[in-house]
């Protein structure tokens, strides 16, 4: 018998990616960040809380007019069959 050579088997699969809406998924979290000084609001499942933070922050810092919305959304990937 001759020598045995290892061989590879490649299998291409299609993957799908979508927001995780399963009952046990992590919650979607919202926060706001001041683009002037980089301060960030606490994260919350309710967008009203970061929005209130922005209104307080710009009230205390009248020259801070620009903000970034930060959304943390859970995603999941799986192989299609």
PDB file of N, CA and C in Angstrom:
ATOM      1  N   UNK A   1       0.822  -1.179   0.000  1.00  0.00           N
ATOM      2  CA  UNK A   1       0.000   0.000   0.000  1.00  0.00           C
ATOM      3  C   UNK A   1       0.868   1.247   0.000  1.00  0.00           C
ATOM      4  N   UNK A   2       0.416   2.295  -0.658  1.00  0.00           N
ATOM      5  CA  UNK A   2       1.175   3.526  -0.737  1.00  0.00           C
ATOM      6  C   UNK A   2       0.973   4.391   0.511  1.00  0.00           C
ATOM      7  N   UNK A   3       1.492   5.590   0.459  1.00  0.00           N
ATOM      8  CA  UNK A   3       1.351   6.500   1.602  1.00  0.00           C
ATOM      9  C   UNK A   3      -0.051   7.107   1.624  1.00  0.00           C
ATOM     10  N   UNK A   4      -0.493   7.378   2.812  1.00  0.00           N
ATOM     11  CA  UNK A   4      -1.811   7.984   2.995  1.00  0.00           C
ATOM     12  C   UNK A   4      -1.610   9.495   3.116  1.00  0.00           C
ATOM     13  N   UNK A   5      -2.327  10.249   2.326  1.00  0.00           N
ATOM     14  CA  UNK A   5      -2.224  11.704   2.408  1.00  0.00           C
ATOM     15  C   UNK A   5      -3.549  12.267   2.919  1.00  0.00           C
ATOM     16  N   UNK A   6      -3.454  13.189   3.862  1.00  0.00           N
ATOM     17  CA  UNK A   6      -4.699  13.779   4.375  1.00  0.00           C
ATOM     18  C   UNK A   6      -5.347  14.642   3.294  1.00  0.00           C
ATOM     19  N   UNK A   7      -6.651  14.707   3.322  1.00  0.00           N
ATOM     20  CA  UNK A   7      -7.332  15.577   2.374  1.00  0.00           C
ATOM     21  C   UNK A   7      -8.371  16.408   3.107  1.00  0.00           C
ATOM     22  N   UNK A   8      -8.628  17.543   2.580  1.00  0.00           N
ATOM     23  CA  UNK A   8      -9.590  18.466   3.181  1.00  0.00           C
ATOM     24  C   UNK A   8     -10.898  18.396   2.415  1.00  0.00           C
ATOM     25  N   UNK A   9     -11.956  18.554   3.182  1.00  0.00           N
ATOM     26  CA  UNK A   9     -13.270  18.652   2.564  1.00  0.00           C
ATOM     27  C   UNK A   9     -13.806  20.033   2.919  1.00  0.00           C
ATOM     28  N   UNK A  10     -14.097  20.830   1.903  1.00  0.00           N
ATOM     29  CA  UNK A  10     -14.637  22.161   2.130  1.00  0.00           C
ATOM     30  C   UNK A  10     -16.136  22.125   1.922  1.00  0.00           C
ATOM     31  N   UNK A  11     -16.818  22.799   2.816  1.00  0.00           N
ATOM     32  CA  UNK A  11     -18.267  22.871   2.699  1.00  0.00           C
ATOM     33  C   UNK A  11     -18.674  24.325   2.853  1.00  0.00           C
ATOM     34  N   UNK A  12     -19.264  24.877   1.840  1.00  0.00           N
ATOM     35  CA  UNK A  12     -19.714  26.253   1.893  1.00  0.00           C
ATOM     36  C   UNK A  12     -21.139  26.284   2.412  1.00  0.00           C
ATOM     37  N   UNK A  13     -21.369  27.156   3.356  1.00  0.00           N
ATOM     38  CA  UNK A  13     -22.694  27.264   3.944  1.00  0.00           C
ATOM     39  C   UNK A  13     -23.145  28.718   3.907  1.00  0.00           C
ATOM     40  N   UNK A  14     -24.430  28.895   3.894  1.00  0.00           N
ATOM     41  CA  UNK A  14     -24.998  30.233   3.906  1.00  0.00           C
ATOM     42  C   UNK A  14     -25.385  30.584   5.330  1.00  0.00           C
ATOM     43  N   UNK A  15     -24.926  31.731   5.781  1.00  0.00           N
ATOM     44  CA  UNK A  15     -25.246  32.208   7.121  1.00  0.00           C
ATOM     45  C   UNK A  15     -26.235  33.358   7.026  1.00  0.00           C
ATOM     46  N   UNK A  16     -27.031  33.484   8.039  1.00  0.00           N
ATOM     47  CA  UNK A  16     -28.013  34.556   8.132  1.00  0.00           C
ATOM     48  C   UNK A  16     -27.729  35.359   9.386  1.00  0.00           C
ATOM     49  N   UNK A  17     -27.940  36.659   9.321  1.00  0.00           N
ATOM     50  CA  UNK A  17     -27.723  37.549  10.461  1.00  0.00           C
ATOM     51  C   UNK A  17     -28.949  38.433  10.615  1.00  0.00           C
ATOM     52  N   UNK A  18     -29.446  38.537  11.836  1.00  0.00           N
ATOM     53  CA  UNK A  18     -30.597  39.407  12.084  1.00  0.00           C
ATOM     54  C   UNK A  18     -30.621  39.817  13.549  1.00  0.00           C
ATOM     55  N   UNK A  19     -31.337  40.904  13.858  1.00  0.00           N
ATOM     56  CA  UNK A  19     -31.470  41.292  15.267  1.00  0.00           C
ATOM     57  C   UNK A  19     -32.066  40.138  16.073  1.00  0.00           C
ATOM     58  N   UNK A  20     -31.565  39.964  17.277  1.00  0.00           N
ATOM     59  CA  UNK A  20     -32.026  38.879  18.147  1.00  0.00           C
ATOM     60  C   UNK A  20     -33.300  39.315  18.856  1.00  0.00           C
ATOM     61  N   UNK A  21     -34.411  38.704  18.482  1.00  0.00           N
ATOM     62  CA  UNK A  21     -35.702  39.024  19.091  1.00  0.00           C
ATOM     63  C   UNK A  21     -36.251  37.849  19.898  1.00  0.00           C
ATOM     64  N   UNK A  22     -35.385  36.906  20.207  1.00  0.00           N
ATOM     65  CA  UNK A  22     -35.791  35.757  21.020  1.00  0.00           C
ATOM     66  C   UNK A  22     -36.162  36.233  22.424  1.00  0.00           C
ATOM     67  N   UNK A  23     -37.004  35.488  23.132  1.00  0.00           N
ATOM     68  CA  UNK A  23     -37.404  35.899  24.481  1.00  0.00           C
ATOM     69  C   UNK A  23     -36.234  36.070  25.452  1.00  0.00           C
ATOM     70  N   UNK A  24     -35.147  35.320  25.244  1.00  0.00           N
ATOM     71  CA  UNK A  24     -34.002  35.409  26.162  1.00  0.00           C
ATOM     72  C   UNK A  24     -32.911  36.354  25.653  1.00  0.00           C
ATOM     73  N   UNK A  25     -33.203  37.128  24.608  1.00  0.00           N
ATOM     74  CA  UNK A  25     -32.203  38.052  24.051  1.00  0.00           C
ATOM     75  C   UNK A  25     -31.913  39.177  25.031  1.00  0.00           C
ATOM     76  N   UNK A  26     -30.702  39.709  24.939  1.00  0.00           N
ATOM     77  CA  UNK A  26     -30.356  40.882  25.738  1.00  0.00           C
ATOM     78  C   UNK A  26     -31.248  42.043  25.292  1.00  0.00           C
ATOM     79  N   UNK A  27     -31.505  42.998  26.167  1.00  0.00           N
ATOM     80  CA  UNK A  27     -32.358  44.130  25.769  1.00  0.00           C
ATOM     81  C   UNK A  27     -31.611  45.099  24.858  1.00  0.00           C
ATOM     82  N   UNK A  28     -32.375  45.830  24.056  1.00  0.00           N
ATOM     83  CA  UNK A  28     -31.811  46.930  23.277  1.00  0.00           C
ATOM     84  C   UNK A  28     -31.586  48.076  24.252  1.00  0.00           C
ATOM     85  N   UNK A  29     -30.382  48.663  24.218  1.00  0.00           N
ATOM     86  CA  UNK A  29     -30.050  49.757  25.126  1.00  0.00           C
ATOM     87  C   UNK A  29     -29.770  51.029  24.336  1.00  0.00           C
ATOM     88  N   UNK A  30     -30.171  52.153  24.921  1.00  0.00           N
ATOM     89  CA  UNK A  30     -29.965  53.460  24.300  1.00  0.00           C
ATOM     90  C   UNK A  30     -29.116  54.324  25.220  1.00  0.00           C
ATOM     91  N   UNK A  31     -28.292  55.155  24.611  1.00  0.00           N
ATOM     92  CA  UNK A  31     -27.506  56.147  25.348  1.00  0.00           C
ATOM     93  C   UNK A  31     -27.261  57.306  24.395  1.00  0.00           C
ATOM     94  N   UNK A  32     -26.877  58.437  24.954  1.00  0.00           N
ATOM     95  CA  UNK A  32     -26.519  59.611  24.161  1.00  0.00           C
ATOM     96  C   UNK A  32     -25.148  60.083  24.608  1.00  0.00           C
ATOM     97  N   UNK A  33     -24.382  60.609  23.653  1.00  0.00           N
ATOM     98  CA  UNK A  33     -23.043  61.116  23.951  1.00  0.00           C
ATOM     99  C   UNK A  33     -22.917  62.536  23.421  1.00  0.00           C
ATOM    100  N   UNK A  34     -22.397  63.410  24.249  1.00  0.00           N
ATOM    101  CA  UNK A  34     -22.150  64.790  23.838  1.00  0.00           C
ATOM    102  C   UNK A  34     -20.950  64.792  22.893  1.00  0.00           C
ATOM    103  N   UNK A  35     -21.127  65.361  21.698  1.00  0.00           N
ATOM    104  CA  UNK A  35     -20.039  65.409  20.722  1.00  0.00           C
ATOM    105  C   UNK A  35     -19.007  66.479  21.063  1.00  0.00           C
ATOM    106  N   UNK A  36     -19.332  67.354  22.019  1.00  0.00           N
ATOM    107  CA  UNK A  36     -18.403  68.423  22.395  1.00  0.00           C
ATOM    108  C   UNK A  36     -17.405  67.943  23.442  1.00  0.00           C
ATOM    109  N   UNK A  37     -17.900  67.359  24.536  1.00  0.00           N
ATOM    110  CA  UNK A  37     -16.996  66.950  25.618  1.00  0.00           C
ATOM    111  C   UNK A  37     -16.899  65.434  25.809  1.00  0.00           C
ATOM    112  N   UNK A  38     -17.653  64.657  25.041  1.00  0.00           N
ATOM    113  CA  UNK A  38     -17.562  63.206  25.114  1.00  0.00           C
ATOM    114  C   UNK A  38     -18.308  62.572  26.268  1.00  0.00           C
ATOM    115  N   UNK A  39     -18.968  63.367  27.105  1.00  0.00           N
ATOM    116  CA  UNK A  39     -19.736  62.774  28.208  1.00  0.00           C
ATOM    117  C   UNK A  39     -20.864  61.933  27.646  1.00  0.00           C
ATOM    118  N   UNK A  40     -21.164  60.830  28.339  1.00  0.00           N
ATOM    119  CA  UNK A  40     -22.183  59.899  27.872  1.00  0.00           C
ATOM    120  C   UNK A  40     -23.230  59.675  28.951  1.00  0.00           C
ATOM    121  N   UNK A  41     -24.468  59.602  28.525  1.00  0.00           N
ATOM    122  CA  UNK A  41     -25.560  59.334  29.456  1.00  0.00           C
ATOM    123  C   UNK A  41     -25.495  57.884  29.919  1.00  0.00           C
ATOM    124  N   UNK A  42     -26.180  57.564  31.006  1.00  0.00           N
ATOM    125  CA  UNK A  42     -26.323  56.155  31.353  1.00  0.00           C
ATOM    126  C   UNK A  42     -27.135  55.438  30.269  1.00  0.00           C
ATOM    127  N   UNK A  43     -26.875  54.151  30.074  1.00  0.00           N
ATOM    128  CA  UNK A  43     -27.643  53.348  29.118  1.00  0.00           C
ATOM    129  C   UNK A  43     -28.982  52.978  29.736  1.00  0.00           C
ATOM    130  N   UNK A  44     -29.983  52.868  28.881  1.00  0.00           N
ATOM    131  CA  UNK A  44     -31.315  52.535  29.362  1.00  0.00           C
ATOM    132  C   UNK A  44     -32.099  51.823  28.268  1.00  0.00           C
ATOM    133  N   UNK A  45     -33.038  50.969  28.674  1.00  0.00           N
ATOM    134  CA  UNK A  45     -33.939  50.333  27.724  1.00  0.00           C
ATOM    135  C   UNK A  45     -34.985  51.329  27.227  1.00  0.00           C
ATOM    136  N   UNK A  46     -35.184  52.405  27.956  1.00  0.00           N
ATOM    137  CA  UNK A  46     -36.154  53.435  27.620  1.00  0.00           C
ATOM    138  C   UNK A  46     -35.415  54.651  27.072  1.00  0.00           C
ATOM    139  N   UNK A  47     -35.672  55.015  25.805  1.00  0.00           N
ATOM    140  CA  UNK A  47     -34.941  56.122  25.193  1.00  0.00           C
ATOM    141  C   UNK A  47     -35.210  57.458  25.890  1.00  0.00           C
ATOM    142  N   UNK A  48     -36.308  57.581  26.603  1.00  0.00           N
ATOM    143  CA  UNK A  48     -36.637  58.847  27.267  1.00  0.00           C
ATOM    144  C   UNK A  48     -35.577  59.238  28.294  1.00  0.00           C
ATOM    145  N   UNK A  49     -34.954  58.267  28.944  1.00  0.00           N
ATOM    146  CA  UNK A  49     -33.942  58.579  29.969  1.00  0.00           C
ATOM    147  C   UNK A  49     -32.700  59.240  29.360  1.00  0.00           C
ATOM    148  N   UNK A  50     -32.088  58.694  28.305  1.00  0.00           N
ATOM    149  CA  UNK A  50     -30.963  59.396  27.682  1.00  0.00           C
ATOM    150  C   UNK A  50     -31.384  60.748  27.082  1.00  0.00           C
ATOM    151  N   UNK A  51     -32.601  60.830  26.577  1.00  0.00           N
ATOM    152  CA  UNK A  51     -33.087  62.090  26.031  1.00  0.00           C
ATOM    153  C   UNK A  51     -33.187  63.144  27.137  1.00  0.00           C
ATOM    154  N   UNK A  52     -33.685  62.756  28.300  1.00  0.00           N
ATOM    155  CA  UNK A  52     -33.723  63.681  29.435  1.00  0.00           C
ATOM    156  C   UNK A  52     -32.323  64.126  29.834  1.00  0.00           C
ATOM    157  N   UNK A  53     -31.364  63.188  29.777  1.00  0.00           N
ATOM    158  CA  UNK A  53     -29.974  63.525  30.097  1.00  0.00           C
ATOM    159  C   UNK A  53     -29.459  64.613  29.156  1.00  0.00           C
ATOM    160  N   UNK A  54     -29.766  64.484  27.838  1.00  0.00           N
ATOM    161  CA  UNK A  54     -29.328  65.492  26.863  1.00  0.00           C
ATOM    162  C   UNK A  54     -29.891  66.852  27.239  1.00  0.00           C
ATOM    163  N   UNK A  55     -31.158  66.914  27.581  1.00  0.00           N
ATOM    164  CA  UNK A  55     -31.770  68.198  27.912  1.00  0.00           C
ATOM    165  C   UNK A  55     -31.142  68.809  29.164  1.00  0.00           C
ATOM    166  N   UNK A  56     -30.819  67.985  30.157  1.00  0.00           N
ATOM    167  CA  UNK A  56     -30.129  68.495  31.346  1.00  0.00           C
ATOM    168  C   UNK A  56     -28.716  68.953  30.997  1.00  0.00           C
ATOM    169  N   UNK A  57     -28.014  68.131  30.189  1.00  0.00           N
ATOM    170  CA  UNK A  57     -26.620  68.433  29.835  1.00  0.00           C
ATOM    171  C   UNK A  57     -26.517  69.739  29.042  1.00  0.00           C
ATOM    172  N   UNK A  58     -27.410  69.924  28.075  1.00  0.00           N
ATOM    173  CA  UNK A  58     -27.316  71.172  27.296  1.00  0.00           C
ATOM    174  C   UNK A  58     -27.821  72.352  28.122  1.00  0.00           C
ATOM    175  N   UNK A  59     -28.666  72.109  29.108  1.00  0.00           N
ATOM    176  CA  UNK A  59     -29.054  73.187  30.013  1.00  0.00           C
ATOM    177  C   UNK A  59     -27.886  73.641  30.872  1.00  0.00           C
ATOM    178  N   UNK A  60     -27.033  72.702  31.272  1.00  0.00           N
ATOM    179  CA  UNK A  60     -25.855  73.017  32.088  1.00  0.00           C
ATOM    180  C   UNK A  60     -24.681  73.500  31.231  1.00  0.00           C
ATOM    181  N   UNK A  61     -24.714  73.187  29.942  1.00  0.00           N
ATOM    182  CA  UNK A  61     -23.631  73.549  29.012  1.00  0.00           C
ATOM    183  C   UNK A  61     -24.257  74.127  27.745  1.00  0.00           C
ATOM    184  N   UNK A  62     -24.660  75.403  27.776  1.00  0.00           N
ATOM    185  CA  UNK A  62     -25.421  75.977  26.659  1.00  0.00           C
ATOM    186  C   UNK A  62     -24.737  75.939  25.294  1.00  0.00           C
ATOM    187  N   UNK A  63     -23.436  75.753  25.253  1.00  0.00           N
ATOM    188  CA  UNK A  63     -22.759  75.701  23.952  1.00  0.00           C
ATOM    189  C   UNK A  63     -22.667  74.273  23.389  1.00  0.00           C
ATOM    190  N   UNK A  64     -23.179  73.290  24.111  1.00  0.00           N
ATOM    191  CA  UNK A  64     -23.129  71.892  23.658  1.00  0.00           C
ATOM    192  C   UNK A  64     -24.435  71.578  22.928  1.00  0.00           C
ATOM    193  N   UNK A  65     -24.364  71.590  21.596  1.00  0.00           N
ATOM    194  CA  UNK A  65     -25.568  71.436  20.778  1.00  0.00           C
ATOM    195  C   UNK A  65     -25.624  70.125  20.009  1.00  0.00           C
ATOM    196  N   UNK A  66     -24.529  69.387  19.939  1.00  0.00           N
ATOM    197  CA  UNK A  66     -24.503  68.180  19.104  1.00  0.00           C
ATOM    198  C   UNK A  66     -24.271  66.936  19.953  1.00  0.00           C
ATOM    199  N   UNK A  67     -25.027  65.891  19.610  1.00  0.00           N
ATOM    200  CA  UNK A  67     -25.008  64.643  20.374  1.00  0.00           C
ATOM    201  C   UNK A  67     -25.033  63.461  19.424  1.00  0.00           C
ATOM    202  N   UNK A  68     -24.563  62.331  19.929  1.00  0.00           N
ATOM    203  CA  UNK A  68     -24.585  61.075  19.177  1.00  0.00           C
ATOM    204  C   UNK A  68     -25.514  60.102  19.899  1.00  0.00           C
ATOM    205  N   UNK A  69     -26.300  59.387  19.133  1.00  0.00           N
ATOM    206  CA  UNK A  69     -27.127  58.326  19.697  1.00  0.00           C
ATOM    207  C   UNK A  69     -26.317  57.029  19.656  1.00  0.00           C
ATOM    208  N   UNK A  70     -26.306  56.305  20.753  1.00  0.00           N
ATOM    209  CA  UNK A  70     -25.595  55.027  20.832  1.00  0.00           C
ATOM    210  C   UNK A  70     -26.646  53.947  21.106  1.00  0.00           C
ATOM    211  N   UNK A  71     -26.780  53.026  20.177  1.00  0.00           N
ATOM    212  CA  UNK A  71     -27.741  51.940  20.329  1.00  0.00           C
ATOM    213  C   UNK A  71     -26.969  50.636  20.425  1.00  0.00           C
ATOM    214  N   UNK A  72     -27.235  49.870  21.462  1.00  0.00           N
ATOM    215  CA  UNK A  72     -26.652  48.538  21.609  1.00  0.00           C
ATOM    216  C   UNK A  72     -27.770  47.541  21.370  1.00  0.00           C
ATOM    217  N   UNK A  73     -27.698  46.856  20.219  1.00  0.00           N
ATOM    218  CA  UNK A  73     -28.763  45.949  19.806  1.00  0.00           C
ATOM    219  C   UNK A  73     -28.175  44.541  19.669  1.00  0.00           C
ATOM    220  N   UNK A  74     -28.764  43.552  20.316  1.00  0.00           N
ATOM    221  CA  UNK A  74     -28.248  42.184  20.175  1.00  0.00           C
ATOM    222  C   UNK A  74     -28.583  41.608  18.792  1.00  0.00           C
ATOM    223  N   UNK A  75     -27.635  40.893  18.233  1.00  0.00           N
ATOM    224  CA  UNK A  75     -27.817  40.236  16.934  1.00  0.00           C
ATOM    225  C   UNK A  75     -27.518  38.756  17.089  1.00  0.00           C
ATOM    226  N   UNK A  76     -28.009  37.966  16.165  1.00  0.00           N
ATOM    227  CA  UNK A  76     -27.716  36.541  16.162  1.00  0.00           C
ATOM    228  C   UNK A  76     -27.435  36.073  14.738  1.00  0.00           C
ATOM    229  N   UNK A  77     -26.556  35.093  14.627  1.00  0.00           N
ATOM    230  CA  UNK A  77     -26.210  34.501  13.330  1.00  0.00           C
ATOM    231  C   UNK A  77     -26.470  33.006  13.404  1.00  0.00           C
ATOM    232  N   UNK A  78     -26.918  32.436  12.308  1.00  0.00           N
ATOM    233  CA  UNK A  78     -27.096  30.996  12.254  1.00  0.00           C
ATOM    234  C   UNK A  78     -26.950  30.533  10.804  1.00  0.00           C
ATOM    235  N   UNK A  79     -26.659  29.240  10.677  1.00  0.00           N
ATOM    236  CA  UNK A  79     -26.524  28.636   9.348  1.00  0.00           C
ATOM    237  C   UNK A  79     -27.898  28.336   8.795  1.00  0.00           C
ATOM    238  N   UNK A  80     -28.094  28.673   7.561  1.00  0.00           N
ATOM    239  CA  UNK A  80     -29.340  28.313   6.881  1.00  0.00           C
ATOM    240  C   UNK A  80     -29.263  26.858   6.467  1.00  0.00           C
ATOM    241  N   UNK A  81     -30.391  26.208   6.485  1.00  0.00           N
ATOM    242  CA  UNK A  81     -30.410  24.794   6.052  1.00  0.00           C
ATOM    243  C   UNK A  81     -31.037  24.659   4.698  1.00  0.00           C
TER     244      UNK A  81
END
